[in-house]
Each structure stands twice: as C-alpha cells, then as structure tokens.
Amino acid sequence: MSHQKIQTEVNADLISHIGTIKSINNHQFIVKITSQTACASCHAKGSCTSSEQEIKEIEIDSTEGGFKIGEVVQVITTTSQGYTAVVMAYLLPLILLVVTLLILLSFHAGEAIAATGALVILLPYYWLLYHFRDKIKSTFHFSLHKMPNMPVNE
C-alpha cells in the first residue's frame, strides 16, 4: 500500500485516515490527507472526468513528541465528531437554503429574488462559522499515531 493513497477505516466509534506531516510548529501539526474516491478502483477511470483525489490539510494540536516533517501518521477521530462536521458543513446550510427559498416563494417573491435571498442567507451562516472557528476547532479532537515501518519523506 502506498502512503500517498488514503486508507479510510471506519468502525463503530472511530474514523481513521493515513496522512503525512506537512509542518510542525510548537505543538501544532499540519497533516496532509489525500482522499480517494471509489473511482480509483474503477475500470473506466481512464475515460472518466470525475475527480479522483482531494487533498485536505488538518491542523492538529498535540503534545505528543517524536514526529518529523514528512512522517506518515494515522489521524484518528470519533465518528460522532465526523457527523457533527458533516451537519455543520453540509446539512445546516442546505436546510437554511431550502427553508429560506420556501419562505420567500410563499410570500410570492419572484424565483430570482427567492433564489438570491436563499444564497445570501448563507453569508451570515458562514461568517458565524468563521467568527467562531476557534471555539468550533476546540470541540474537534484528533489524535496522531505513528505508522510502523513507514519511511519519512523529506
């Protein structure tokens, strides 16, 4: 298994990803994770235009030592925190968008005005997420674990 490919393991309580440490600053680690879609194993991937990879960077505060830049690590969090992130990033904005659209349409606003209003209502939502990012960040906890027998890429 190549360390460049993401290995996702989900059990009843944990979500695990393989990543590479990009930078270390005091007790803050930036870990790069490459997400693979199901397309990676598809026989038609050569002729498909679907995106196959997405690179994500996660900031992890940890007092654990002994990690090096370029080291392959396992990043672990709980499934409940994963669900919380999905709700905050996707479900709540979708609900806000649809409810706003339906309310504006029920007041006989034109479709263009209703659609614009539904999109504009997302601005304060994402501003609030940005404004409270430190508080939100403190509610998510990740742990780093060394991967035995994996080389360090410097």
Foldseek 3Di string as FASTA:
>chain_A
DDLLEWDWDDDQWKTKIKWFFADDDQQKTKTKGKYADPLVPDPCNVVDPDDGIDIDIDIAGDPDDDDDGQAIKMKMFTVVLVVVVCCLPPVVLVVQLVVQLVVCVVVVDDNVVSNVRSVVVVVVSVVVCVVCVVVSVVVTHMDIGGDPPDDGDD
